[in-house]
Amino acid sequence: MDLLGMAGQRPCLPMVVCCSSRDELDAVCSNVSNLSSYISISSLYSDLPEADRARILDDFRQAIVRWNRLGREKLDSESEKEEDRKSHLIVVTDACLPLLGSSEAPVSARILINYELPTKKETYMRRMATCLSSDGLVINMVVGGEVVILKSLEESSGMVIAEMPIHIFEMM
């Protein structure tokens, strides 16, 4: 939560947190709700009506446009509503990731946080392919025995997964 609190204070930052189950999604959303003064929080889960899913994804894509504009020009606090300056967070279960084979486009977040590390390389790669922008950053939350899984994912995917620096803003 501290990490989301720090990252979420960046105006318009589009972030995705991936969870394996609905219980994890609910726990993350509950804990993040106290950051709602500067982070807009949405969740995608299996029994969400399709219209709500489409609205959430559209709102997120609009946040990405604002983030991309922020790189080229400063946000004018007078012309931007406070709600538009909030960072945008989607918490999603693996079952509800955008489907690349369908007409649904990837969400292209700047930051992807794997709240729980998937054990299968395919799930890990799908999270990155459907949630992360080409210049995005992946943060893996790893506890004790998951270091072995992380190293296995690193070897099987051919990626180098570096340890997170103390000053995360150096990476953003």
N, C-alpha and C. Protein backbone atom coordinates (compact mmCIF):
# COMPACT_ATOMS: atom_id res chain seq x y z
N MET A 1 0.81 -1.18 0.00
CA MET A 1 0.00 0.00 0.00
C MET A 1 0.86 1.26 0.00
N ASP A 2 2.02 1.18 0.68
CA ASP A 2 2.93 2.33 0.68
C ASP A 2 3.41 2.62 -0.73
N LEU A 3 3.71 1.58 -1.49
CA LEU A 3 4.16 1.74 -2.87
C LEU A 3 3.09 2.42 -3.71
N LEU A 4 1.85 1.95 -3.61
CA LEU A 4 0.75 2.58 -4.35
C LEU A 4 0.53 4.01 -3.89
N GLY A 5 0.69 4.26 -2.62
CA GLY A 5 0.55 5.61 -2.10
C GLY A 5 1.58 6.56 -2.69
N MET A 6 2.82 6.09 -2.82
CA MET A 6 3.87 6.93 -3.42
C MET A 6 3.62 7.12 -4.91
N ALA A 7 3.39 6.03 -5.61
CA ALA A 7 3.20 6.11 -7.06
C ALA A 7 1.94 6.88 -7.41
N GLY A 8 0.91 6.69 -6.64
CA GLY A 8 -0.38 7.32 -6.92
C GLY A 8 -0.39 8.82 -6.78
N GLN A 9 0.63 9.37 -6.16
CA GLN A 9 0.69 10.82 -6.02
C GLN A 9 1.22 11.50 -7.28
N ARG A 10 1.66 10.71 -8.25
CA ARG A 10 2.04 11.26 -9.55
C ARG A 10 0.76 11.53 -10.32
N PRO A 11 0.55 12.74 -10.81
CA PRO A 11 -0.70 13.05 -11.52
C PRO A 11 -0.93 12.14 -12.73
N CYS A 12 -2.12 11.59 -12.81
CA CYS A 12 -2.61 10.84 -13.98
C CYS A 12 -1.91 9.50 -14.22
N LEU A 13 -1.12 8.99 -13.31
CA LEU A 13 -0.37 7.76 -13.53
C LEU A 13 -1.32 6.57 -13.69
N PRO A 14 -1.28 5.88 -14.86
CA PRO A 14 -2.12 4.70 -15.06
C PRO A 14 -1.44 3.43 -14.54
N MET A 15 -2.10 2.74 -13.60
CA MET A 15 -1.52 1.55 -12.96
C MET A 15 -2.52 0.41 -12.99
N VAL A 16 -1.99 -0.81 -13.04
CA VAL A 16 -2.81 -2.02 -12.94
C VAL A 16 -2.21 -2.91 -11.87
N VAL A 17 -3.07 -3.46 -11.01
CA VAL A 17 -2.65 -4.48 -10.05
C VAL A 17 -3.34 -5.77 -10.46
N CYS A 18 -2.55 -6.82 -10.70
CA CYS A 18 -3.09 -8.13 -11.08
C CYS A 18 -3.12 -9.05 -9.87
N CYS A 19 -4.25 -9.72 -9.71
CA CYS A 19 -4.47 -10.67 -8.63
C CYS A 19 -4.91 -12.00 -9.24
N SER A 20 -4.67 -13.08 -8.52
CA SER A 20 -5.08 -14.39 -9.01
C SER A 20 -6.53 -14.71 -8.68
N SER A 21 -7.05 -14.12 -7.62
CA SER A 21 -8.40 -14.48 -7.19
C SER A 21 -9.23 -13.26 -6.82
N ARG A 22 -10.52 -13.47 -6.73
CA ARG A 22 -11.44 -12.40 -6.34
C ARG A 22 -11.19 -11.98 -4.89
N ASP A 23 -10.83 -12.94 -4.03
CA ASP A 23 -10.54 -12.59 -2.63
C ASP A 23 -9.37 -11.63 -2.54
N GLU A 24 -8.31 -11.88 -3.33
CA GLU A 24 -7.17 -10.97 -3.34
C GLU A 24 -7.57 -9.61 -3.88
N LEU A 25 -8.37 -9.60 -4.95
CA LEU A 25 -8.85 -8.35 -5.54
C LEU A 25 -9.62 -7.54 -4.49
N ASP A 26 -10.52 -8.18 -3.79
CA ASP A 26 -11.31 -7.48 -2.77
C ASP A 26 -10.42 -6.93 -1.65
N ALA A 27 -9.40 -7.70 -1.25
CA ALA A 27 -8.49 -7.24 -0.20
C ALA A 27 -7.71 -6.02 -0.66
N VAL A 28 -7.20 -6.06 -1.89
CA VAL A 28 -6.44 -4.91 -2.42
C VAL A 28 -7.34 -3.69 -2.50
N CYS A 29 -8.53 -3.84 -3.07
CA CYS A 29 -9.46 -2.70 -3.21
C CYS A 29 -9.82 -2.11 -1.85
N SER A 30 -10.04 -2.96 -0.88
CA SER A 30 -10.38 -2.49 0.46
C SER A 30 -9.23 -1.68 1.06
N ASN A 31 -8.02 -2.17 0.91
CA ASN A 31 -6.86 -1.47 1.47
C ASN A 31 -6.52 -0.20 0.73
N VAL A 32 -6.76 -0.17 -0.58
CA VAL A 32 -6.42 0.99 -1.38
C VAL A 32 -7.48 2.08 -1.27
N SER A 33 -8.64 1.76 -0.79
CA SER A 33 -9.74 2.73 -0.74
C SER A 33 -9.38 3.99 0.05
N ASN A 34 -8.46 3.89 1.00
CA ASN A 34 -8.08 5.10 1.75
C ASN A 34 -7.16 6.03 0.96
N LEU A 35 -6.77 5.61 -0.26
CA LEU A 35 -5.96 6.46 -1.12
C LEU A 35 -6.82 7.18 -2.17
N SER A 36 -8.13 7.07 -2.04
CA SER A 36 -9.03 7.57 -3.08
C SER A 36 -9.01 9.10 -3.25
N SER A 37 -8.33 9.82 -2.37
CA SER A 37 -8.25 11.27 -2.56
C SER A 37 -7.33 11.61 -3.73
N TYR A 38 -6.40 10.71 -4.10
CA TYR A 38 -5.53 10.98 -5.24
C TYR A 38 -5.39 9.80 -6.21
N ILE A 39 -6.12 8.71 -5.96
CA ILE A 39 -6.14 7.58 -6.89
C ILE A 39 -7.58 7.19 -7.16
N SER A 40 -7.93 7.13 -8.44
CA SER A 40 -9.23 6.63 -8.87
C SER A 40 -9.11 5.11 -8.99
N ILE A 41 -9.93 4.37 -8.26
CA ILE A 41 -9.80 2.92 -8.17
C ILE A 41 -11.00 2.24 -8.83
N SER A 42 -10.71 1.27 -9.71
CA SER A 42 -11.74 0.45 -10.34
C SER A 42 -11.29 -1.00 -10.28
N SER A 43 -12.23 -1.91 -10.41
CA SER A 43 -11.86 -3.32 -10.41
C SER A 43 -12.60 -4.07 -11.51
N LEU A 44 -11.91 -5.06 -12.07
CA LEU A 44 -12.48 -5.93 -13.10
C LEU A 44 -12.50 -7.35 -12.54
N TYR A 45 -13.69 -7.94 -12.51
CA TYR A 45 -13.86 -9.29 -11.99
C TYR A 45 -14.93 -10.00 -12.80
N SER A 46 -15.04 -11.29 -12.63
CA SER A 46 -15.82 -12.13 -13.54
C SER A 46 -17.31 -11.81 -13.62
N ASP A 47 -17.95 -11.41 -12.55
CA ASP A 47 -19.39 -11.16 -12.64
C ASP A 47 -19.74 -9.68 -12.82
N LEU A 48 -18.77 -8.89 -13.28
CA LEU A 48 -19.00 -7.48 -13.57
C LEU A 48 -19.78 -7.36 -14.88
N PRO A 49 -20.87 -6.60 -14.91
CA PRO A 49 -21.62 -6.43 -16.16
C PRO A 49 -20.73 -5.86 -17.27
N GLU A 50 -20.97 -6.31 -18.49
CA GLU A 50 -20.14 -5.92 -19.64
C GLU A 50 -20.10 -4.40 -19.84
N ALA A 51 -21.22 -3.72 -19.61
CA ALA A 51 -21.25 -2.26 -19.77
C ALA A 51 -20.32 -1.58 -18.76
N ASP A 52 -20.29 -2.10 -17.54
CA ASP A 52 -19.39 -1.54 -16.52
C ASP A 52 -17.94 -1.80 -16.89
N ARG A 53 -17.66 -3.00 -17.40
CA ARG A 53 -16.30 -3.33 -17.84
C ARG A 53 -15.85 -2.37 -18.94
N ALA A 54 -16.70 -2.13 -19.92
CA ALA A 54 -16.36 -1.24 -21.03
C ALA A 54 -16.12 0.18 -20.52
N ARG A 55 -16.94 0.66 -19.59
CA ARG A 55 -16.78 2.00 -19.03
C ARG A 55 -15.45 2.13 -18.27
N ILE A 56 -15.12 1.11 -17.47
CA ILE A 56 -13.87 1.13 -16.69
C ILE A 56 -12.66 1.17 -17.63
N LEU A 57 -12.69 0.33 -18.67
CA LEU A 57 -11.58 0.30 -19.61
C LEU A 57 -11.48 1.60 -20.40
N ASP A 58 -12.62 2.19 -20.76
CA ASP A 58 -12.61 3.46 -21.48
C ASP A 58 -12.05 4.58 -20.59
N ASP A 59 -12.49 4.63 -19.34
CA ASP A 59 -11.96 5.63 -18.40
C ASP A 59 -10.45 5.47 -18.23
N PHE A 60 -9.99 4.22 -18.16
CA PHE A 60 -8.57 3.97 -18.00
C PHE A 60 -7.79 4.43 -19.23
N ARG A 61 -8.32 4.17 -20.40
CA ARG A 61 -7.65 4.60 -21.63
C ARG A 61 -7.60 6.13 -21.71
N GLN A 62 -8.61 6.80 -21.19
CA GLN A 62 -8.57 8.27 -21.13
C GLN A 62 -7.48 8.74 -20.16
N ALA A 63 -7.30 8.01 -19.07
CA ALA A 63 -6.22 8.33 -18.12
C ALA A 63 -4.86 8.16 -18.78
N ILE A 64 -4.72 7.16 -19.64
CA ILE A 64 -3.47 6.95 -20.36
C ILE A 64 -3.19 8.12 -21.29
N VAL A 65 -4.21 8.63 -21.95
CA VAL A 65 -4.05 9.79 -22.83
C VAL A 65 -3.57 10.99 -22.00
N ARG A 66 -4.17 11.20 -20.83
CA ARG A 66 -3.74 12.31 -19.96
C ARG A 66 -2.29 12.11 -19.51
N TRP A 67 -1.92 10.88 -19.18
CA TRP A 67 -0.53 10.58 -18.77
C TRP A 67 0.43 10.88 -19.92
N ASN A 68 0.10 10.45 -21.12
CA ASN A 68 0.96 10.69 -22.28
C ASN A 68 1.11 12.17 -22.56
N ARG A 69 0.03 12.94 -22.39
CA ARG A 69 0.08 14.39 -22.58
C ARG A 69 0.95 15.04 -21.52
N LEU A 70 0.93 14.51 -20.32
CA LEU A 70 1.71 15.06 -19.22
C LEU A 70 3.20 15.05 -19.56
N GLY A 71 3.64 14.07 -20.35
CA GLY A 71 5.05 14.00 -20.75
C GLY A 71 5.44 15.12 -21.69
N ARG A 72 4.50 15.67 -22.43
CA ARG A 72 4.81 16.71 -23.41
C ARG A 72 4.48 18.12 -22.92
N GLU A 73 3.52 18.22 -22.04
CA GLU A 73 3.14 19.55 -21.55
C GLU A 73 2.69 19.42 -20.10
N LYS A 74 2.86 20.46 -19.35
CA LYS A 74 2.44 20.45 -17.96
C LYS A 74 0.92 20.49 -17.87
N LEU A 75 0.41 19.79 -16.84
CA LEU A 75 -1.02 19.89 -16.60
C LEU A 75 -1.32 21.27 -16.03
N ASP A 76 -2.26 21.93 -16.60
CA ASP A 76 -2.69 23.24 -16.13
C ASP A 76 -3.73 23.00 -15.05
N SER A 77 -3.39 23.31 -13.82
CA SER A 77 -4.30 23.03 -12.71
C SER A 77 -5.63 23.75 -12.85
N GLU A 78 -5.66 24.83 -13.60
CA GLU A 78 -6.90 25.56 -13.79
C GLU A 78 -7.81 24.83 -14.79
N SER A 79 -7.20 24.24 -15.85
CA SER A 79 -8.02 23.62 -16.88
C SER A 79 -8.33 22.15 -16.59
N GLU A 80 -7.60 21.52 -15.71
CA GLU A 80 -7.83 20.13 -15.37
C GLU A 80 -8.63 20.06 -14.08
N LYS A 81 -9.70 19.29 -14.12
CA LYS A 81 -10.47 19.07 -12.90
C LYS A 81 -9.65 18.19 -11.96
N GLU A 82 -9.88 18.31 -10.67
CA GLU A 82 -9.13 17.51 -9.69
C GLU A 82 -9.28 16.03 -9.99
N GLU A 83 -10.47 15.59 -10.37
CA GLU A 83 -10.71 14.18 -10.68
C GLU A 83 -9.84 13.72 -11.85
N ASP A 84 -9.60 14.59 -12.83
CA ASP A 84 -8.78 14.25 -13.99
C ASP A 84 -7.29 14.17 -13.66
N ARG A 85 -6.88 14.76 -12.56
CA ARG A 85 -5.47 14.74 -12.15
C ARG A 85 -5.13 13.49 -11.34
N LYS A 86 -6.15 12.77 -10.88
CA LYS A 86 -5.90 11.59 -10.08
C LYS A 86 -5.20 10.52 -10.89
N SER A 87 -4.35 9.75 -10.21
CA SER A 87 -3.81 8.55 -10.84
C SER A 87 -4.96 7.57 -10.96
N HIS A 88 -4.83 6.66 -11.91
CA HIS A 88 -5.93 5.73 -12.16
C HIS A 88 -5.42 4.30 -11.95
N LEU A 89 -6.14 3.54 -11.14
CA LEU A 89 -5.74 2.18 -10.80
C LEU A 89 -6.87 1.22 -11.14
N ILE A 90 -6.53 0.17 -11.87
CA ILE A 90 -7.46 -0.94 -12.09
C ILE A 90 -6.88 -2.14 -11.37
N VAL A 91 -7.70 -2.78 -10.55
CA VAL A 91 -7.34 -4.03 -9.90
C VAL A 91 -8.10 -5.11 -10.65
N VAL A 92 -7.39 -6.11 -11.16
CA VAL A 92 -8.01 -7.10 -12.05
C VAL A 92 -7.58 -8.52 -11.67
N THR A 93 -8.50 -9.45 -11.83
CA THR A 93 -8.14 -10.86 -11.67
C THR A 93 -7.65 -11.40 -13.00
N ASP A 94 -6.88 -12.46 -12.96
CA ASP A 94 -6.35 -13.05 -14.19
C ASP A 94 -7.46 -13.45 -15.15
N ALA A 95 -8.58 -13.90 -14.61
CA ALA A 95 -9.71 -14.32 -15.45
C ALA A 95 -10.32 -13.16 -16.23
N CYS A 96 -10.07 -11.93 -15.80
CA CYS A 96 -10.70 -10.77 -16.44
C CYS A 96 -9.73 -9.87 -17.17
N LEU A 97 -8.53 -10.35 -17.44
CA LEU A 97 -7.59 -9.57 -18.23
C LEU A 97 -8.17 -9.37 -19.63
N PRO A 98 -7.83 -8.27 -20.29
CA PRO A 98 -8.31 -8.08 -21.66
C PRO A 98 -7.90 -9.27 -22.54
N LEU A 99 -8.76 -9.64 -23.45
CA LEU A 99 -8.52 -10.78 -24.33
C LEU A 99 -7.89 -10.30 -25.63
N LEU A 100 -6.63 -10.66 -25.85
CA LEU A 100 -5.93 -10.19 -27.03
C LEU A 100 -6.52 -10.77 -28.32
N GLY A 101 -7.05 -11.98 -28.26
CA GLY A 101 -7.63 -12.60 -29.45
C GLY A 101 -8.96 -11.98 -29.86
N SER A 102 -9.58 -11.27 -28.95
CA SER A 102 -10.86 -10.62 -29.26
C SER A 102 -10.60 -9.21 -29.77
N SER A 103 -11.61 -8.44 -29.88
CA SER A 103 -11.46 -7.06 -30.36
C SER A 103 -11.03 -6.11 -29.24
N GLU A 104 -10.88 -6.64 -28.02
CA GLU A 104 -10.52 -5.80 -26.87
C GLU A 104 -9.02 -5.49 -26.88
N ALA A 105 -8.67 -4.23 -26.84
CA ALA A 105 -7.27 -3.79 -26.88
C ALA A 105 -6.64 -3.92 -25.49
N PRO A 106 -5.30 -4.07 -25.45
CA PRO A 106 -4.61 -4.07 -24.16
C PRO A 106 -4.82 -2.74 -23.46
N VAL A 107 -4.63 -2.71 -22.14
CA VAL A 107 -4.88 -1.47 -21.40
C VAL A 107 -3.66 -0.55 -21.35
N SER A 108 -2.47 -1.04 -21.57
CA SER A 108 -1.25 -0.22 -21.69
C SER A 108 -0.97 0.68 -20.49
N ALA A 109 -0.95 0.12 -19.31
CA ALA A 109 -0.64 0.87 -18.09
C ALA A 109 0.84 1.21 -18.03
N ARG A 110 1.17 2.24 -17.34
CA ARG A 110 2.57 2.62 -17.12
C ARG A 110 3.21 1.71 -16.08
N ILE A 111 2.42 1.29 -15.09
CA ILE A 111 2.92 0.41 -14.04
C ILE A 111 1.98 -0.79 -13.90
N LEU A 112 2.58 -1.98 -13.88
CA LEU A 112 1.86 -3.22 -13.62
C LEU A 112 2.43 -3.80 -12.34
N ILE A 113 1.57 -4.03 -11.37
CA ILE A 113 2.00 -4.62 -10.11
C ILE A 113 1.40 -6.02 -10.03
N ASN A 114 2.26 -7.01 -9.93
CA ASN A 114 1.82 -8.39 -9.70
C ASN A 114 1.70 -8.55 -8.20
N TYR A 115 0.47 -8.38 -7.70
CA TYR A 115 0.23 -8.47 -6.25
C TYR A 115 0.59 -9.85 -5.75
N GLU A 116 0.27 -10.83 -6.56
CA GLU A 116 0.62 -12.21 -6.25
C GLU A 116 1.29 -12.76 -7.49
N LEU A 117 2.46 -13.31 -7.34
CA LEU A 117 3.24 -13.80 -8.45
C LEU A 117 2.60 -15.05 -9.05
N PRO A 118 2.28 -15.03 -10.34
CA PRO A 118 1.72 -16.25 -10.94
C PRO A 118 2.80 -17.33 -11.04
N THR A 119 2.39 -18.57 -10.93
CA THR A 119 3.36 -19.66 -10.99
C THR A 119 3.66 -20.10 -12.41
N LYS A 120 2.78 -19.77 -13.35
CA LYS A 120 2.96 -20.16 -14.75
C LYS A 120 3.50 -19.00 -15.57
N LYS A 121 4.48 -19.31 -16.40
CA LYS A 121 5.07 -18.30 -17.28
C LYS A 121 4.00 -17.70 -18.20
N GLU A 122 3.06 -18.51 -18.68
CA GLU A 122 2.03 -18.04 -19.60
C GLU A 122 1.16 -16.96 -18.95
N THR A 123 0.82 -17.15 -17.69
CA THR A 123 0.01 -16.15 -16.98
C THR A 123 0.80 -14.86 -16.79
N TYR A 124 2.07 -15.00 -16.42
CA TYR A 124 2.94 -13.84 -16.22
C TYR A 124 3.05 -13.04 -17.52
N MET A 125 3.30 -13.74 -18.62
CA MET A 125 3.46 -13.09 -19.93
C MET A 125 2.13 -12.47 -20.39
N ARG A 126 1.01 -13.13 -20.12
CA ARG A 126 -0.29 -12.59 -20.50
C ARG A 126 -0.57 -11.29 -19.74
N ARG A 127 -0.23 -11.26 -18.46
CA ARG A 127 -0.41 -10.03 -17.69
C ARG A 127 0.36 -8.88 -18.34
N MET A 128 1.60 -9.15 -18.71
CA MET A 128 2.41 -8.09 -19.32
C MET A 128 1.87 -7.70 -20.69
N ALA A 129 1.47 -8.66 -21.49
CA ALA A 129 0.99 -8.37 -22.85
C ALA A 129 -0.33 -7.60 -22.84
N THR A 130 -1.18 -7.85 -21.87
CA THR A 130 -2.50 -7.21 -21.87
C THR A 130 -2.59 -5.97 -20.99
N CYS A 131 -1.63 -5.77 -20.11
CA CYS A 131 -1.74 -4.67 -19.15
C CYS A 131 -0.66 -3.61 -19.23
N LEU A 132 0.46 -3.88 -19.89
CA LEU A 132 1.62 -3.02 -19.76
C LEU A 132 1.93 -2.29 -21.06
N SER A 133 2.24 -0.99 -20.95
CA SER A 133 2.69 -0.23 -22.13
C SER A 133 4.11 -0.67 -22.48
N SER A 134 4.54 -0.33 -23.69
CA SER A 134 5.86 -0.75 -24.14
C SER A 134 6.99 -0.17 -23.28
N ASP A 135 6.76 0.98 -22.67
CA ASP A 135 7.78 1.58 -21.81
C ASP A 135 7.41 1.45 -20.33
N GLY A 136 6.51 0.50 -20.05
CA GLY A 136 6.00 0.33 -18.69
C GLY A 136 6.96 -0.37 -17.75
N LEU A 137 6.57 -0.40 -16.51
CA LEU A 137 7.36 -0.95 -15.43
C LEU A 137 6.55 -2.03 -14.73
N VAL A 138 7.16 -3.21 -14.51
CA VAL A 138 6.51 -4.30 -13.80
C VAL A 138 7.10 -4.38 -12.40
N ILE A 139 6.24 -4.43 -11.41
CA ILE A 139 6.67 -4.60 -10.03
C ILE A 139 6.05 -5.90 -9.53
N ASN A 140 6.92 -6.82 -9.12
CA ASN A 140 6.47 -8.11 -8.60
C ASN A 140 6.55 -8.10 -7.08
N MET A 141 5.43 -8.35 -6.44
CA MET A 141 5.42 -8.47 -4.99
C MET A 141 5.77 -9.93 -4.69
N VAL A 142 6.91 -10.13 -4.01
CA VAL A 142 7.41 -11.48 -3.79
C VAL A 142 7.64 -11.68 -2.30
N VAL A 143 7.19 -12.81 -1.80
CA VAL A 143 7.43 -13.18 -0.41
C VAL A 143 8.20 -14.50 -0.37
N GLY A 144 9.02 -14.64 0.66
CA GLY A 144 9.77 -15.86 0.95
C GLY A 144 10.00 -16.83 -0.19
N GLY A 145 9.22 -17.90 -0.23
CA GLY A 145 9.41 -18.98 -1.17
C GLY A 145 9.14 -18.63 -2.62
N GLU A 146 8.58 -17.46 -2.88
CA GLU A 146 8.29 -17.08 -4.27
C GLU A 146 9.53 -16.62 -5.03
N VAL A 147 10.64 -16.43 -4.36
CA VAL A 147 11.87 -16.03 -5.04
C VAL A 147 12.25 -17.10 -6.06
N VAL A 148 12.04 -18.36 -5.72
CA VAL A 148 12.35 -19.47 -6.62
C VAL A 148 11.46 -19.38 -7.86
N ILE A 149 10.17 -19.07 -7.67
CA ILE A 149 9.24 -18.92 -8.79
C ILE A 149 9.68 -17.75 -9.66
N LEU A 150 10.06 -16.63 -9.05
CA LEU A 150 10.50 -15.46 -9.79
C LEU A 150 11.73 -15.78 -10.64
N LYS A 151 12.68 -16.48 -10.08
CA LYS A 151 13.88 -16.86 -10.83
C LYS A 151 13.52 -17.80 -11.97
N SER A 152 12.58 -18.70 -11.74
CA SER A 152 12.14 -19.61 -12.79
C SER A 152 11.47 -18.84 -13.92
N LEU A 153 10.62 -17.86 -13.57
CA LEU A 153 9.98 -17.01 -14.58
C LEU A 153 11.03 -16.23 -15.36
N GLU A 154 12.02 -15.73 -14.67
CA GLU A 154 13.09 -14.96 -15.31
C GLU A 154 13.83 -15.84 -16.32
N GLU A 155 14.19 -17.04 -15.93
CA GLU A 155 14.93 -17.94 -16.82
C GLU A 155 14.09 -18.40 -18.01
N SER A 156 12.84 -18.76 -17.76
CA SER A 156 12.01 -19.31 -18.85
C SER A 156 11.55 -18.23 -19.83
N SER A 157 11.50 -16.98 -19.39
CA SER A 157 11.05 -15.90 -20.28
C SER A 157 12.22 -15.19 -20.97
N GLY A 158 13.42 -15.40 -20.47
CA GLY A 158 14.58 -14.74 -21.05
C GLY A 158 14.70 -13.28 -20.63
N MET A 159 13.92 -12.86 -19.65
CA MET A 159 13.97 -11.47 -19.16
C MET A 159 14.90 -11.38 -17.96
N VAL A 160 15.40 -10.18 -17.73
CA VAL A 160 16.16 -9.91 -16.53
C VAL A 160 15.23 -9.16 -15.59
N ILE A 161 15.00 -9.73 -14.43
CA ILE A 161 14.12 -9.11 -13.44
C ILE A 161 15.01 -8.57 -12.33
N ALA A 162 15.13 -7.26 -12.28
CA ALA A 162 16.02 -6.61 -11.32
C ALA A 162 15.31 -6.35 -10.00
N GLU A 163 16.10 -6.26 -8.96
CA GLU A 163 15.56 -5.91 -7.65
C GLU A 163 15.17 -4.44 -7.67
N MET A 164 14.07 -4.11 -7.01
CA MET A 164 13.57 -2.75 -7.00
C MET A 164 14.49 -1.84 -6.18
N PRO A 165 14.82 -0.67 -6.74
CA PRO A 165 15.67 0.27 -5.96
C PRO A 165 14.88 0.88 -4.82
N ILE A 166 15.61 1.41 -3.89
CA ILE A 166 14.97 2.04 -2.73
C ILE A 166 14.14 3.25 -3.17
N HIS A 167 14.64 4.01 -4.12
CA HIS A 167 13.95 5.20 -4.60
C HIS A 167 13.23 4.85 -5.89
N ILE A 168 11.99 4.42 -5.79
CA ILE A 168 11.25 3.93 -6.95
C ILE A 168 11.03 5.01 -8.00
N PHE A 169 10.98 6.27 -7.59
CA PHE A 169 10.74 7.33 -8.57
C PHE A 169 11.88 7.46 -9.59
N GLU A 170 13.04 6.86 -9.28
CA GLU A 170 14.12 6.81 -10.25
C GLU A 170 13.71 6.00 -11.47
N MET A 171 12.77 5.09 -11.30
CA MET A 171 12.36 4.20 -12.38
C MET A 171 11.19 4.74 -13.18
N MET A 172 10.46 5.69 -12.65
CA MET A 172 9.25 6.19 -13.32
C MET A 172 9.55 7.37 -14.20
